[in-house]
Amino acid sequence: MQTEPAGSFAKNVTPSAEMVEVLVDGARYGDIEDVQSALQHSVDVNATDSSGRTALHMAAANNHADVAETLIEAGADVDTRNAEGNTPLHWACLNGCSAVAKVLLDKGANPACLNRHSNTPVDELLGKPYQDEMLTLIASYQEQTGRKDSTVAIEDNDDEFAEAEQS
């Protein structure tokens, strides 16, 4: 009779808070094996940890694009919000995580989502040393998709905000 390795869980057991932590921490540290293991043990991909963070938020904040893609393929909501109303794209922009921001935008993340402070993801990156790279990425997304939201302001070369076209 074959037994499961120590630390593994039966697939029909309801996921515990510990397994949610495995998922969220795996995403935080880029440990794709922990993420996949938690998902195989039926952890809700949109579950939050004790601090209200989802795995996708943590992958976004730490620029783990491969983990973000895995989570999205497993059904993660790209526009899920934490207690402050921040989406994973807010966190990617706040931390200058362009690889994850690209994944999120490619998978349909809304760059016009407002958090509880009425800030968009773009607002979160303004004044940061990486703002130009991230603004270029978001402007490219808008150009490729034809999506121009009035609440998304992209700085032009004169340091004035360009007015976004109304859809």
Protein backbone atom coordinates (compact mmCIF):
# COMPACT_ATOMS: atom_id res chain seq x y z
CA MET A 1 0.00 0.00 0.00
CA GLN A 2 1.39 3.33 -1.07
CA THR A 3 1.16 6.23 1.35
CA GLU A 4 1.24 9.91 0.59
CA PRO A 5 4.43 11.82 1.34
CA ALA A 6 4.58 13.69 4.64
CA GLY A 7 2.86 17.05 4.42
CA SER A 8 0.54 16.13 1.56
CA PHE A 9 -3.22 16.28 1.85
CA ALA A 10 -5.97 14.03 0.53
CA LYS A 11 -7.65 15.61 -2.47
CA ASN A 12 -11.16 15.35 -1.03
CA VAL A 13 -10.29 17.23 2.17
CA THR A 14 -11.54 20.80 2.41
CA PRO A 15 -8.56 23.11 2.00
CA SER A 16 -7.38 24.54 5.29
CA ALA A 17 -6.17 27.99 6.12
CA GLU A 18 -2.69 26.46 6.06
CA MET A 19 -3.10 25.46 2.42
CA VAL A 20 -4.36 28.96 1.56
CA GLU A 21 -1.17 30.28 3.16
CA VAL A 22 0.85 27.80 1.06
CA LEU A 23 -0.82 29.19 -2.07
CA VAL A 24 -0.36 32.85 -1.14
CA ASP A 25 3.20 32.41 0.14
CA GLY A 26 4.10 30.32 -2.89
CA ALA A 27 2.92 33.17 -5.11
CA ARG A 28 4.78 35.72 -2.99
CA TYR A 29 8.09 33.88 -3.25
CA GLY A 30 7.67 32.62 -6.82
CA ASP A 31 7.45 28.97 -5.74
CA ILE A 32 5.44 27.55 -8.62
CA GLU A 33 5.54 24.04 -7.10
CA ASP A 34 3.80 25.22 -3.91
CA VAL A 35 1.25 27.13 -5.98
CA GLN A 36 0.49 24.09 -8.14
CA SER A 37 0.32 21.82 -5.09
CA ALA A 38 -2.17 24.09 -3.33
CA LEU A 39 -4.31 24.29 -6.46
CA GLN A 40 -4.22 20.50 -6.83
CA HIS A 41 -5.54 20.29 -3.27
CA SER A 42 -8.62 22.30 -4.25
CA VAL A 43 -7.61 25.61 -2.71
CA ASP A 44 -9.78 28.37 -4.19
CA VAL A 45 -7.45 30.34 -6.47
CA ASN A 46 -9.16 33.55 -5.28
CA ALA A 47 -8.90 32.70 -1.57
CA THR A 48 -7.41 35.31 0.72
CA ASP A 49 -4.89 34.83 3.48
CA SER A 50 -5.24 36.12 7.04
CA SER A 51 -4.25 39.59 5.78
CA GLY A 52 -6.83 39.63 2.98
CA ARG A 53 -4.34 39.13 0.14
CA THR A 54 -4.85 36.79 -2.81
CA ALA A 55 -2.10 34.78 -4.42
CA LEU A 56 -2.42 36.92 -7.55
CA HIS A 57 -1.85 40.08 -5.49
CA MET A 58 1.35 38.56 -4.10
CA ALA A 59 2.60 37.36 -7.49
CA ALA A 60 1.91 40.83 -8.89
CA ALA A 61 3.69 42.64 -6.06
CA ASN A 62 6.79 40.50 -6.52
CA ASN A 63 6.92 40.31 -10.34
CA HIS A 64 6.41 36.56 -10.62
CA ALA A 65 4.89 36.49 -14.11
CA ASP A 66 4.98 32.69 -14.42
CA VAL A 67 3.07 32.32 -11.16
CA ALA A 68 0.57 34.98 -12.22
CA GLU A 69 -0.06 33.15 -15.50
CA THR A 70 -0.58 29.86 -13.64
CA LEU A 71 -3.05 31.49 -11.26
CA ILE A 72 -4.97 33.18 -14.08
CA GLU A 73 -5.13 29.92 -16.04
CA ALA A 74 -6.57 28.32 -12.87
CA GLY A 75 -9.31 30.96 -12.78
CA ALA A 76 -7.88 33.83 -10.72
CA ASP A 77 -9.85 37.05 -11.08
CA VAL A 78 -7.47 39.61 -12.63
CA ASP A 79 -9.46 42.47 -11.11
CA THR A 80 -9.91 41.02 -7.62
CA ARG A 81 -9.63 43.62 -4.88
CA ASN A 82 -8.03 43.55 -1.46
CA ALA A 83 -9.31 45.40 1.62
CA GLU A 84 -8.00 48.71 0.24
CA GLY A 85 -9.65 48.10 -3.11
CA ASN A 86 -6.33 47.50 -4.85
CA THR A 87 -6.23 45.08 -7.76
CA PRO A 88 -3.17 43.01 -8.67
CA LEU A 89 -2.45 45.65 -11.34
CA HIS A 90 -2.36 48.35 -8.62
CA TRP A 91 0.27 46.30 -6.79
CA ALA A 92 2.27 45.60 -9.94
CA CYS A 93 2.33 49.33 -10.73
CA LEU A 94 3.12 50.30 -7.15
CA ASN A 95 6.14 47.99 -7.18
CA GLY A 96 7.33 48.51 -10.77
CA CYS A 97 6.60 44.93 -11.77
CA SER A 98 6.34 45.33 -15.53
CA ALA A 99 6.44 41.62 -16.43
CA VAL A 100 3.38 40.90 -14.28
CA ALA A 101 1.65 44.11 -15.38
CA LYS A 102 1.98 42.93 -18.99
CA VAL A 103 0.51 39.52 -18.12
CA LEU A 104 -2.38 41.15 -16.24
CA LEU A 105 -3.13 43.58 -19.07
CA ASP A 106 -2.90 40.80 -21.68
CA LYS A 107 -5.40 38.79 -19.62
CA GLY A 108 -7.89 41.66 -19.41
CA ALA A 109 -7.04 43.55 -16.22
CA ASN A 110 -8.76 46.92 -16.10
CA PRO A 111 -6.23 49.77 -15.80
CA ALA A 112 -9.05 52.15 -14.81
CA CYS A 113 -10.07 50.40 -11.57
CA LEU A 114 -10.21 52.79 -8.65
CA ASN A 115 -9.11 51.74 -5.19
CA ARG A 116 -10.60 53.12 -1.96
CA HIS A 117 -8.39 56.18 -2.28
CA SER A 118 -9.78 56.83 -5.79
CA ASN A 119 -6.44 55.94 -7.37
CA THR A 120 -6.00 53.96 -10.57
CA PRO A 121 -2.99 51.70 -11.06
CA VAL A 122 -1.38 54.55 -13.03
CA ASP A 123 -1.83 56.90 -10.07
CA GLU A 124 0.09 54.42 -7.92
CA LEU A 125 3.19 54.54 -10.09
CA LEU A 126 3.47 58.28 -10.69
CA GLY A 127 6.63 59.75 -9.23
CA LYS A 128 8.32 56.36 -9.01
CA PRO A 129 11.69 55.81 -10.74
CA TYR A 130 10.14 53.19 -13.03
CA GLN A 131 7.10 55.26 -14.05
CA ASP A 132 8.22 55.81 -17.67
CA GLU A 133 8.57 52.07 -18.38
CA MET A 134 5.19 51.30 -16.82
CA LEU A 135 3.42 54.24 -18.49
CA THR A 136 4.78 53.09 -21.85
CA LEU A 137 3.48 49.58 -21.16
CA ILE A 138 -0.02 50.82 -20.28
CA ALA A 139 -0.10 53.26 -23.22
CA SER A 140 0.91 50.39 -25.53
CA TYR A 141 -1.90 48.27 -24.09
CA GLN A 142 -4.37 51.08 -24.72
CA GLU A 143 -3.13 51.51 -28.28
CA GLN A 144 -3.28 47.77 -29.04
CA THR A 145 -6.73 47.28 -27.57
CA GLY A 146 -8.25 50.60 -28.53
CA ARG A 147 -9.32 50.89 -24.91
CA LYS A 148 -9.06 54.41 -23.61
CA ASP A 149 -10.65 54.96 -20.24
CA SER A 150 -11.14 58.54 -19.12
CA THR A 151 -9.89 57.70 -15.63
CA VAL A 152 -6.53 56.47 -16.91
CA ALA A 153 -4.18 59.38 -17.32
CA ILE A 154 -0.91 58.83 -19.13
CA GLU A 155 1.73 61.51 -18.86
CA ASP A 156 2.96 62.95 -22.14
CA ASN A 157 6.49 64.18 -22.82
CA ASP A 158 5.67 67.67 -21.46
CA ASP A 159 4.81 66.23 -18.02
CA GLU A 160 1.17 67.20 -18.50
CA PHE A 161 -1.54 64.61 -18.41
CA ALA A 162 -2.98 63.69 -21.76
CA GLU A 163 -6.74 63.62 -21.87
CA ALA A 164 -8.03 60.13 -22.52
CA GLU A 165 -10.71 59.73 -25.13
CA GLN A 166 -14.17 58.72 -23.96
CA SER A 167 -15.22 55.32 -25.33
